[in-house]
Every structure is written in C-alpha cells, then in structure tokens.
C-alpha atoms as a PDB file:
ATOM      1  CA  UNK A   1     107.321 106.386  80.840  1.00  0.00           C
ATOM      2  CA  UNK A   2     104.816 103.619  81.435  1.00  0.00           C
ATOM      3  CA  UNK A   3     103.747 102.680  84.919  1.00  0.00           C
ATOM      4  CA  UNK A   4     105.849  99.510  84.727  1.00  0.00           C
ATOM      5  CA  UNK A   5     108.925 101.530  83.716  1.00  0.00           C
ATOM      6  CA  UNK A   6     108.319 104.033  86.535  1.00  0.00           C
ATOM      7  CA  UNK A   7     107.900 101.116  88.973  1.00  0.00           C
ATOM      8  CA  UNK A   8     111.205  99.577  87.811  1.00  0.00           C
ATOM      9  CA  UNK A   9     112.900 102.965  88.113  1.00  0.00           C
ATOM     10  CA  UNK A  10     111.526 103.402  91.662  1.00  0.00           C
ATOM     11  CA  UNK A  11     113.015 100.058  92.670  1.00  0.00           C
ATOM     12  CA  UNK A  12     116.440 101.378  91.645  1.00  0.00           C
ATOM     13  CA  UNK A  13     115.945 104.846  93.177  1.00  0.00           C
ATOM     14  CA  UNK A  14     114.832 103.491  96.562  1.00  0.00           C
ATOM     15  CA  UNK A  15     118.278 101.956  96.974  1.00  0.00           C
ATOM     16  CA  UNK A  16     119.790 105.479  96.896  1.00  0.00           C
ATOM     17  CA  UNK A  17     118.166 106.452 100.240  1.00  0.00           C
ATOM     18  CA  UNK A  18     120.765 107.868 102.590  1.00  0.00           C
ATOM     19  CA  UNK A  19     118.744 107.233 105.760  1.00  0.00           C
ATOM     20  CA  UNK A  20     116.973 103.992 106.674  1.00  0.00           C
ATOM     21  CA  UNK A  21     113.200 104.275 106.361  1.00  0.00           C
ATOM     22  CA  UNK A  22     111.034 103.471 109.367  1.00  0.00           C
ATOM     23  CA  UNK A  23     110.035  99.857 109.898  1.00  0.00           C
ATOM     24  CA  UNK A  24     106.489 100.798 108.900  1.00  0.00           C
ATOM     25  CA  UNK A  25     107.699 102.283 105.591  1.00  0.00           C
ATOM     26  CA  UNK A  26     109.920  99.253 104.928  1.00  0.00           C
ATOM     27  CA  UNK A  27     106.958  96.924 105.518  1.00  0.00           C
ATOM     28  CA  UNK A  28     104.794  99.007 103.152  1.00  0.00           C
ATOM     29  CA  UNK A  29     107.477  98.952 100.443  1.00  0.00           C
ATOM     30  CA  UNK A  30     107.753  95.173 100.792  1.00  0.00           C
ATOM     31  CA  UNK A  31     104.014  94.577 100.744  1.00  0.00           C
ATOM     32  CA  UNK A  32     103.351  96.923  97.830  1.00  0.00           C
ATOM     33  CA  UNK A  33     106.180  95.347  95.845  1.00  0.00           C
ATOM     34  CA  UNK A  34     104.846  91.867  96.487  1.00  0.00           C
ATOM     35  CA  UNK A  35     101.247  92.908  95.646  1.00  0.00           C
ATOM     36  CA  UNK A  36     102.420  94.587  92.425  1.00  0.00           C
ATOM     37  CA  UNK A  37     104.550  91.674  91.288  1.00  0.00           C
ATOM     38  CA  UNK A  38     102.718  88.613  92.650  1.00  0.00           C
ATOM     39  CA  UNK A  39      99.191  89.712  93.522  1.00  0.00           C
ATOM     40  CA  UNK A  40      97.284  88.617  96.618  1.00  0.00           C
ATOM     41  CA  UNK A  41      99.197  86.804  99.343  1.00  0.00           C
ATOM     42  CA  UNK A  42      98.432  83.105  98.999  1.00  0.00           C
ATOM     43  CA  UNK A  43     101.378  81.918 101.051  1.00  0.00           C
ATOM     44  CA  UNK A  44     101.139  80.048 104.325  1.00  0.00           C
ATOM     45  CA  UNK A  45     101.251  82.179 107.477  1.00  0.00           C
ATOM     46  CA  UNK A  46     104.688  82.015 109.109  1.00  0.00           C
ATOM     47  CA  UNK A  47     105.135  80.299 112.464  1.00  0.00           C
ATOM     48  CA  UNK A  48     104.427  82.223 115.650  1.00  0.00           C
ATOM     49  CA  UNK A  49     108.088  82.557 116.552  1.00  0.00           C
ATOM     50  CA  UNK A  50     109.020  84.174 113.232  1.00  0.00           C
ATOM     51  CA  UNK A  51     107.899  87.660 114.193  1.00  0.00           C
ATOM     52  CA  UNK A  52     109.569  89.541 111.314  1.00  0.00           C
ATOM     53  CA  UNK A  53     108.020  87.248 108.712  1.00  0.00           C
ATOM     54  CA  UNK A  54     104.647  87.471 110.413  1.00  0.00           C
ATOM     55  CA  UNK A  55     104.652  91.284 110.103  1.00  0.00           C
ATOM     56  CA  UNK A  56     105.640  91.016 106.442  1.00  0.00           C
ATOM     57  CA  UNK A  57     102.928  88.414 105.773  1.00  0.00           C
ATOM     58  CA  UNK A  58     100.248  90.436 107.582  1.00  0.00           C
ATOM     59  CA  UNK A  59     101.141  93.694 105.824  1.00  0.00           C
ATOM     60  CA  UNK A  60     101.034  92.027 102.414  1.00  0.00           C
ATOM     61  CA  UNK A  61      97.766  90.222 103.233  1.00  0.00           C
ATOM     62  CA  UNK A  62      96.131  93.521 104.131  1.00  0.00           C
ATOM     63  CA  UNK A  63      96.484  94.564 100.501  1.00  0.00           C
ATOM     64  CA  UNK A  64      94.301  91.700  99.254  1.00  0.00           C
ATOM     65  CA  UNK A  65      92.254  92.772  96.232  1.00  0.00           C
ATOM     66  CA  UNK A  66      94.467  95.736  95.351  1.00  0.00           C
ATOM     67  CA  UNK A  67      95.281  95.665  91.659  1.00  0.00           C
ATOM     68  CA  UNK A  68      98.832  95.347  90.464  1.00  0.00           C
ATOM     69  CA  UNK A  69      98.645  98.807  88.875  1.00  0.00           C
ATOM     70  CA  UNK A  70      97.316 100.415  92.058  1.00  0.00           C
ATOM     71  CA  UNK A  71     100.062  98.712  94.096  1.00  0.00           C
ATOM     72  CA  UNK A  72     102.700  99.984  91.647  1.00  0.00           C
ATOM     73  CA  UNK A  73     101.355 103.525  91.937  1.00  0.00           C
ATOM     74  CA  UNK A  74     101.282 103.405  95.750  1.00  0.00           C
ATOM     75  CA  UNK A  75     104.857 102.049  95.704  1.00  0.00           C
ATOM     76  CA  UNK A  76     105.928 104.906  93.444  1.00  0.00           C
ATOM     77  CA  UNK A  77     104.212 107.447  95.695  1.00  0.00           C
ATOM     78  CA  UNK A  78     105.924 106.073  98.809  1.00  0.00           C
ATOM     79  CA  UNK A  79     109.360 105.991  97.137  1.00  0.00           C
ATOM     80  CA  UNK A  80     108.906 109.589  95.943  1.00  0.00           C
ATOM     81  CA  UNK A  81     107.848 110.616  99.486  1.00  0.00           C
ATOM     82  CA  UNK A  82     110.857 108.891 101.030  1.00  0.00           C
ATOM     83  CA  UNK A  83     113.229 110.507  98.530  1.00  0.00           C
ATOM     84  CA  UNK A  84     111.580 113.925  98.972  1.00  0.00           C
ATOM     85  CA  UNK A  85     110.653 114.079  95.300  1.00  0.00           C
END
C-alpha cells in the first residue's frame, strides 16, 4: 500500500477506537491530519474566547514546515499506537 492509501486506511481505523483518546492525542491527530491534507496553517488565529479552536490552531501551527508525507507517517504512527497495533 502507498503512504496515501495507508493514511486513508488510518482515517477509517481511528474511528474504531473503543476508548476516547486523550485531549493531547486528539489535538495531535487533528493537527497531523490538517498538515498532511492542507499543509502549513495559514488561517487566522481564533478569537481569545474560543479556547478549543485556539488549541487546535496552535497545535497545527507548531507543525509548520513538516512535509505532507512526514505528517501522514506521524498520523499513521499515532493511530497505530492508539489502536495497539
């Protein structure tokens, strides 16, 4: 399977988790997915009262410069860890 196919498969498999991942893991999954599919975060920073969106924005922004392929691999690694694979 190509990296893109593995990435797509991981997106399906992550939905089979029986326990909710930690907030930190959820943020990492979100940020790695966004970095893999959209690249660097060029969106406007959310308002100061939107705490959840600020955390998501910050976590994604911290991945600036990470290639799409590297983000896909890190996403795969995290999904595999969460699923115990």
